[in-house]
Amino acid sequence: MDPFDALDLLPEAVIVVDEDGIVQVANDRARVLLDGRDVVGKPLGEVLDLRDDAGVQCVLGQWRPQVGDRLPERVLHLDVGGRRRPVAVAGRWHADGLVVTLRSAGRREALDAVQGDVVATVSHEIRSPLTSVKGFTRTLLARWDRFSDAQKRAMLETVDADADRVTRLLGELLDVSRIDAGRVQLQRQPVDVGQLARQVVDKLAVSGPGEGRDLRLVVAEGLPRVLADPDKVEQVLVNLLENALAYAPESQVRIDVDHAADRGVHVAVADDGGGIPAEERRLVFRKFGRGRDNRRAGTGLGLYITRGLVEAHGGRVWLDVDRQDGATFHVQLPPG
């Protein structure tokens, strides 16, 4: 009896890969999971199309730890013939390659994994500024007399900025909970979106991410007022502008406020940065979506909140899918 035949008795899918990343063995459960495909002799990256919640492909075996090291289990999405299913994936390196195990992950397990990612993201975003606040306050309390007034002011300004960062994160989480529950409260009144856009651009240009940047605002004449919550519309504009400024640091950012076809108002925020890969475009409005460059700081909540606030007004928001050399986000608000 071939020793590998025993793998067919296991409840998990098992794939054995050699040191070159080529599949040598796949048990019966693996063949069922992969819709009966013959995978032996093929590269592992071609056999397993695994993606995280943001849609980013995860290629197993790209790193070579010492023999015996494990790939810790995590829930990913396996794409088979255009259909995605959650699977729990784990692995272990041995002298001749890698053994990968996969098992179907139920909806509850997948949700638990997402919640774990949420907790990890929020914890990181809160811990970082709080560590800074704690460090500066401890230093000032211990050595107050040793610092000049300028040094004290610089440290206190950093503490103030970090406190604002935590406050903003908590505000985003509250916004998300209201959006998810369908309880966004709007204080509607006639709003001049063009004037509001000018105020936002001026504010960002003086301080914050827009300072020293090339921000160009074009407002059409004779725009109608829309019946909206001015604070929520301002939040939408700030989110879109800060997103463009963050992901296209060398680019001009253009804001066009124009008439919409339904007699409402249309806003377009465009940059000439690196663009958004086609496979990431459907993810940009997803909760905790981190497209373009997920190494950048942030929670990935801004565009999710933007969509929720716009839709609460009866409007719509979308990404221009035809652009390859930058990104343009559109918002359309209905007339009052």
Protein backbone atom coordinates (compact mmCIF):
# COMPACT_ATOMS: atom_id res chain seq x y z
CA MET A 1 0.00 0.00 0.00
CA ASP A 2 1.32 3.40 -0.97
CA PRO A 3 1.81 5.42 2.25
CA PHE A 4 0.15 8.39 0.57
CA ASP A 5 -3.07 6.33 0.17
CA ALA A 6 -3.67 6.87 3.88
CA LEU A 7 -4.18 10.56 3.14
CA ASP A 8 -7.47 9.66 1.44
CA LEU A 9 -8.82 8.61 4.84
CA LEU A 10 -8.36 12.09 6.30
CA PRO A 11 -11.33 14.50 6.57
CA GLU A 12 -9.18 17.46 5.46
CA ALA A 13 -7.88 18.25 2.00
CA VAL A 14 -4.14 17.58 1.93
CA ILE A 15 -1.70 18.76 -0.74
CA VAL A 16 1.98 17.81 -0.66
CA VAL A 17 4.36 20.18 -2.45
CA ASP A 18 8.05 19.71 -3.20
CA GLU A 19 10.77 22.26 -2.53
CA ASP A 20 10.20 23.82 -5.97
CA GLY A 21 6.54 24.51 -5.19
CA ILE A 22 5.20 21.72 -7.46
CA VAL A 23 2.28 19.59 -6.25
CA GLN A 24 3.34 15.97 -5.76
CA VAL A 25 0.29 14.52 -4.02
CA ALA A 26 -3.33 15.58 -3.51
CA ASN A 27 -5.74 13.39 -1.55
CA ASP A 28 -9.34 12.63 -2.47
CA ARG A 29 -10.70 15.45 -0.32
CA ALA A 30 -8.42 17.96 -2.09
CA ARG A 31 -9.64 16.79 -5.48
CA VAL A 32 -13.26 17.20 -4.36
CA LEU A 33 -12.53 20.70 -3.02
CA LEU A 34 -10.91 21.62 -6.35
CA ASP A 35 -13.83 20.26 -8.43
CA GLY A 36 -11.98 17.14 -9.50
CA ARG A 37 -9.11 18.91 -11.23
CA ASP A 38 -5.88 17.02 -11.80
CA VAL A 39 -3.41 19.16 -9.87
CA VAL A 40 -0.38 16.89 -9.55
CA GLY A 41 2.64 18.34 -11.32
CA LYS A 42 1.32 21.90 -11.27
CA PRO A 43 2.66 24.89 -9.27
CA LEU A 44 0.89 25.40 -5.95
CA GLY A 45 0.16 29.05 -6.78
CA GLU A 46 -1.71 27.91 -9.88
CA VAL A 47 -3.63 25.20 -8.03
CA LEU A 48 -4.77 27.26 -5.02
CA ASP A 49 -6.19 30.71 -5.75
CA LEU A 50 -6.44 31.92 -2.15
CA ARG A 51 -7.41 35.47 -1.25
CA ASP A 52 -7.89 37.42 1.95
CA ASP A 53 -10.95 39.52 2.82
CA ALA A 54 -9.54 42.46 0.84
CA GLY A 55 -9.20 40.27 -2.27
CA VAL A 56 -5.40 40.22 -2.15
CA GLN A 57 -3.96 36.93 -3.39
CA CYS A 58 -2.08 34.87 -0.80
CA VAL A 59 0.53 32.58 -2.36
CA LEU A 60 1.60 29.88 0.07
CA GLY A 61 5.21 28.86 0.20
CA GLN A 62 6.73 32.12 -0.96
CA TRP A 63 8.88 32.24 2.16
CA ARG A 64 11.23 29.47 3.31
CA PRO A 65 11.41 29.14 7.10
CA GLN A 66 13.52 26.53 8.84
CA VAL A 67 12.43 22.92 8.48
CA GLY A 68 9.53 22.09 10.76
CA ASP A 69 8.07 25.60 10.88
CA ARG A 70 4.35 25.88 10.59
CA LEU A 71 2.11 28.12 8.53
CA PRO A 72 -0.50 29.06 11.16
CA GLU A 73 -4.11 28.34 10.26
CA ARG A 74 -6.11 31.22 8.88
CA VAL A 75 -9.42 31.58 7.08
CA LEU A 76 -9.05 32.58 3.42
CA HIS A 77 -11.27 32.48 0.35
CA LEU A 78 -10.60 29.76 -2.23
CA ASP A 79 -11.59 30.62 -5.80
CA VAL A 80 -12.58 27.58 -7.85
CA GLY A 81 -14.09 28.23 -11.26
CA GLY A 82 -15.16 31.74 -10.29
CA ARG A 83 -16.87 30.58 -7.08
CA ARG A 84 -15.41 31.58 -3.74
CA ARG A 85 -15.72 29.61 -0.53
CA PRO A 86 -14.18 30.21 2.90
CA VAL A 87 -11.54 27.63 3.84
CA ALA A 88 -9.28 27.22 6.86
CA VAL A 89 -5.72 26.83 5.54
CA ALA A 90 -2.66 25.61 7.43
CA GLY A 91 0.71 24.14 6.50
CA ARG A 92 3.93 22.68 7.75
CA TRP A 93 7.36 22.71 6.16
CA HIS A 94 9.45 19.56 6.10
CA ALA A 95 12.82 18.63 4.62
CA ASP A 96 11.49 18.17 1.08
CA GLY A 97 8.81 20.83 0.84
CA LEU A 98 5.43 21.80 2.27
CA VAL A 99 2.30 19.97 3.38
CA VAL A 100 -0.87 22.08 3.09
CA THR A 101 -4.18 21.22 4.73
CA LEU A 102 -7.51 22.83 3.90
CA ARG A 103 -10.97 22.41 5.36
CA SER A 104 -14.23 24.15 4.68
CA ALA A 105 -14.89 27.04 7.04
CA GLY A 106 -18.50 27.65 7.94
CA ARG A 107 -20.14 31.06 7.90
CA ARG A 108 -19.72 31.42 11.66
CA GLU A 109 -16.02 30.59 11.48
CA ALA A 110 -15.51 33.02 8.61
CA LEU A 111 -17.31 35.74 10.57
CA ASP A 112 -15.18 34.97 13.62
CA ALA A 113 -12.07 35.41 11.47
CA VAL A 114 -13.36 38.75 10.14
CA GLN A 115 -14.15 39.91 13.67
CA GLY A 116 -10.66 38.88 14.72
CA ASP A 117 -9.21 41.01 11.92
CA VAL A 118 -11.43 43.92 13.01
CA VAL A 119 -10.24 43.65 16.61
CA ALA A 120 -6.61 43.45 15.47
CA THR A 121 -6.98 46.48 13.19
CA VAL A 122 -8.76 48.62 15.77
CA SER A 123 -6.36 47.57 18.52
CA HIS A 124 -3.37 48.57 16.40
CA GLU A 125 -4.89 51.90 15.40
CA ILE A 126 -5.66 52.77 19.03
CA ARG A 127 -2.48 51.37 20.57
CA SER A 128 -0.13 53.36 18.35
CA PRO A 129 -1.31 56.88 19.32
CA LEU A 130 -1.89 55.89 22.95
CA THR A 131 1.68 54.63 23.18
CA SER A 132 2.85 58.02 21.92
CA VAL A 133 0.61 59.89 24.37
CA LYS A 134 1.84 57.76 27.27
CA GLY A 135 5.47 58.22 26.29
CA PHE A 136 5.33 62.00 25.98
CA THR A 137 3.28 62.55 29.14
CA ARG A 138 5.60 60.29 31.16
CA THR A 139 8.63 62.16 29.82
CA LEU A 140 7.14 65.57 30.58
CA LEU A 141 6.09 64.58 34.09
CA ALA A 142 9.51 63.15 34.90
CA ARG A 143 11.67 65.84 33.31
CA TRP A 144 9.52 68.96 33.02
CA ASP A 145 12.27 71.38 34.09
CA ARG A 146 14.76 69.99 31.59
CA PHE A 147 12.82 70.99 28.48
CA SER A 148 12.48 74.38 26.86
CA ASP A 149 9.06 75.89 26.24
CA ALA A 150 9.41 75.08 22.52
CA GLN A 151 10.16 71.42 23.26
CA LYS A 152 7.23 71.18 25.66
CA ARG A 153 4.92 72.72 23.09
CA ALA A 154 6.09 70.30 20.37
CA MET A 155 5.45 67.29 22.60
CA LEU A 156 2.04 68.57 23.71
CA GLU A 157 1.05 69.23 20.09
CA THR A 158 1.92 65.61 19.29
CA VAL A 159 -0.20 64.43 22.23
CA ASP A 160 -3.08 66.61 21.00
CA ALA A 161 -2.81 65.21 17.46
CA ASP A 162 -2.73 61.62 18.72
CA ALA A 163 -5.79 62.26 20.90
CA ASP A 164 -7.58 63.58 17.81
CA ARG A 165 -6.58 60.41 15.95
CA VAL A 166 -8.16 58.19 18.62
CA THR A 167 -11.27 60.36 18.72
CA ARG A 168 -11.61 60.10 14.95
CA LEU A 169 -11.25 56.31 15.03
CA LEU A 170 -13.95 56.00 17.68
CA GLY A 171 -16.16 58.29 15.60
CA GLU A 172 -15.62 56.07 12.54
CA LEU A 173 -16.58 52.97 14.50
CA LEU A 174 -19.78 54.68 15.70
CA ASP A 175 -20.55 55.70 12.11
CA VAL A 176 -20.07 52.11 10.95
CA SER A 177 -22.39 50.76 13.66
CA ARG A 178 -25.10 53.27 12.68
CA ILE A 179 -24.71 52.51 8.98
CA ASP A 180 -24.85 48.75 9.57
CA ALA A 181 -27.97 49.16 11.71
CA GLY A 182 -29.62 51.56 9.25
CA ARG A 183 -29.79 54.28 11.89
CA VAL A 184 -27.95 57.17 10.25
CA GLN A 185 -29.61 60.35 11.53
CA LEU A 186 -29.65 63.28 9.12
CA GLN A 187 -30.26 66.92 10.04
CA ARG A 188 -31.38 67.99 6.58
CA GLN A 189 -31.30 71.58 5.39
CA PRO A 190 -30.59 73.32 2.07
CA VAL A 191 -26.87 72.89 1.37
CA ASP A 192 -24.66 74.70 -1.13
CA VAL A 193 -22.30 71.83 -2.01
CA GLY A 194 -19.99 74.09 -4.00
CA GLN A 195 -19.47 76.43 -1.05
CA LEU A 196 -19.02 73.46 1.27
CA ALA A 197 -16.36 72.05 -1.07
CA ARG A 198 -14.50 75.39 -1.00
CA GLN A 199 -14.48 75.35 2.80
CA VAL A 200 -13.16 71.76 2.89
CA VAL A 201 -10.42 72.49 0.35
CA ASP A 202 -9.37 75.65 2.20
CA LYS A 203 -9.26 73.79 5.51
CA LEU A 204 -7.17 70.90 4.15
CA ALA A 205 -4.84 73.26 2.28
CA VAL A 206 -3.99 75.20 5.44
CA SER A 207 -3.40 72.24 7.73
CA GLY A 208 -3.52 68.49 7.39
CA PRO A 209 -2.78 66.26 4.39
CA GLY A 210 -3.52 68.99 1.85
CA GLU A 211 -0.90 71.44 3.13
CA GLY A 212 1.47 72.31 0.30
CA ARG A 213 -0.39 70.07 -2.16
CA ASP A 214 -1.86 70.99 -5.55
CA LEU A 215 -5.61 71.05 -4.91
CA ARG A 216 -7.76 72.31 -7.77
CA LEU A 217 -11.44 73.05 -7.25
CA VAL A 218 -13.88 73.77 -10.09
CA VAL A 219 -17.46 74.68 -9.21
CA ALA A 220 -20.11 75.09 -11.90
CA GLU A 221 -22.34 78.15 -11.88
CA GLY A 222 -25.96 78.09 -10.88
CA LEU A 223 -25.82 74.91 -8.84
CA PRO A 224 -29.02 74.00 -7.01
CA ARG A 225 -29.00 73.52 -3.27
CA VAL A 226 -29.54 69.96 -2.07
CA LEU A 227 -31.54 68.96 0.98
CA ALA A 228 -28.85 67.28 3.05
CA ASP A 229 -27.01 67.15 6.35
CA PRO A 230 -24.10 69.59 5.88
CA ASP A 231 -21.89 67.83 8.45
CA LYS A 232 -22.36 64.47 6.72
CA VAL A 233 -21.71 65.92 3.27
CA GLU A 234 -18.57 67.60 4.60
CA GLN A 235 -17.46 64.24 6.02
CA VAL A 236 -17.95 62.64 2.59
CA LEU A 237 -15.87 65.33 0.88
CA VAL A 238 -13.11 65.10 3.49
CA ASN A 239 -12.97 61.30 3.19
CA LEU A 240 -12.67 61.40 -0.59
CA LEU A 241 -10.07 64.17 -0.60
CA GLU A 242 -7.94 62.61 2.14
CA ASN A 243 -8.09 59.28 0.31
CA ALA A 244 -6.82 60.88 -2.91
CA LEU A 245 -4.11 62.83 -1.09
CA ALA A 246 -2.90 59.71 0.73
CA TYR A 247 -2.74 57.37 -2.26
CA ALA A 248 -1.44 59.85 -4.83
CA PRO A 249 1.15 61.87 -2.87
CA GLU A 250 2.82 63.35 -5.97
CA SER A 251 -0.36 64.06 -7.92
CA GLN A 252 -2.63 67.04 -8.33
CA VAL A 253 -6.06 66.38 -6.82
CA ARG A 254 -8.99 67.85 -8.72
CA ILE A 255 -12.48 68.39 -7.33
CA ASP A 256 -15.29 69.13 -9.77
CA VAL A 257 -18.73 70.14 -8.49
CA ASP A 258 -21.27 70.15 -11.30
CA HIS A 259 -24.92 69.72 -12.22
CA ALA A 260 -26.26 66.15 -12.09
CA ALA A 261 -28.62 64.69 -14.66
CA ASP A 262 -31.43 64.41 -12.09
CA ARG A 263 -31.13 68.15 -11.26
CA GLY A 264 -29.10 67.32 -8.19
CA VAL A 265 -25.36 67.84 -7.70
CA HIS A 266 -22.48 65.72 -8.93
CA VAL A 267 -19.02 65.75 -7.28
CA ALA A 268 -15.93 64.13 -8.79
CA VAL A 269 -12.63 63.77 -6.92
CA ALA A 270 -9.77 62.74 -9.20
CA ASP A 271 -6.06 62.06 -8.82
CA ASP A 272 -3.33 61.02 -11.24
CA GLY A 273 -1.64 58.50 -8.97
CA GLY A 274 -0.89 54.86 -9.69
CA GLY A 275 -4.52 53.90 -10.19
CA ILE A 276 -6.41 51.00 -8.64
CA PRO A 277 -5.81 47.46 -9.96
CA ALA A 278 -8.87 45.95 -11.63
CA GLU A 279 -9.11 43.13 -9.09
CA GLU A 280 -9.25 45.64 -6.20
CA ARG A 281 -11.90 48.00 -7.56
CA ARG A 282 -14.85 46.00 -6.27
CA LEU A 283 -13.33 46.09 -2.79
CA VAL A 284 -12.82 49.83 -2.31
CA PHE A 285 -16.20 50.45 -0.63
CA ARG A 286 -16.01 47.31 1.49
CA LYS A 287 -15.63 47.58 5.26
CA PHE A 288 -11.93 47.51 6.19
CA GLY A 289 -11.07 47.49 2.50
CA ARG A 290 -7.44 48.53 1.98
CA GLY A 291 -6.93 48.85 -1.75
CA ARG A 292 -4.03 50.30 -3.74
CA ASP A 293 -1.43 50.08 -0.97
CA ASN A 294 -2.54 48.33 2.19
CA ARG A 295 0.71 49.22 3.92
CA ARG A 296 -0.55 52.76 4.43
CA ALA A 297 -1.89 53.73 7.82
CA GLY A 298 -5.63 53.79 8.37
CA THR A 299 -8.55 51.55 9.19
CA GLY A 300 -10.00 51.11 5.72
CA LEU A 301 -13.33 52.52 6.91
CA GLY A 302 -13.38 55.89 5.13
CA LEU A 303 -14.88 54.81 1.80
CA TYR A 304 -17.28 52.39 3.48
CA ILE A 305 -18.59 55.26 5.62
CA THR A 306 -18.69 57.53 2.57
CA ARG A 307 -20.95 55.11 0.71
CA GLY A 308 -23.19 54.67 3.76
CA LEU A 309 -23.63 58.43 4.25
CA VAL A 310 -24.28 59.11 0.57
CA GLU A 311 -26.84 56.30 0.32
CA ALA A 312 -28.56 57.55 3.48
CA HIS A 313 -29.22 60.76 1.53
CA GLY A 314 -30.70 58.77 -1.35
CA GLY A 315 -27.62 59.40 -3.48
CA ARG A 316 -24.98 57.12 -4.92
CA VAL A 317 -21.20 56.90 -5.02
CA TRP A 318 -19.03 55.01 -7.48
CA LEU A 319 -15.54 54.60 -8.85
CA ASP A 320 -14.70 55.38 -12.47
CA VAL A 321 -13.67 51.93 -13.74
CA ASP A 322 -12.34 53.20 -17.09
CA ARG A 323 -9.34 55.02 -15.64
CA GLN A 324 -6.00 53.20 -15.59
CA ASP A 325 -3.62 56.02 -14.57
CA GLY A 326 -5.34 57.34 -11.48
CA ALA A 327 -8.66 57.21 -9.69
CA THR A 328 -11.86 59.22 -9.90
CA PHE A 329 -14.59 58.85 -7.30
CA HIS A 330 -18.06 60.20 -8.07
CA VAL A 331 -20.84 61.28 -5.72
CA GLN A 332 -24.33 62.21 -6.86
CA LEU A 333 -26.74 63.84 -4.41
CA PRO A 334 -30.43 64.18 -5.32
CA PRO A 335 -32.14 67.57 -5.49
CA GLY A 336 -33.86 69.02 -2.44
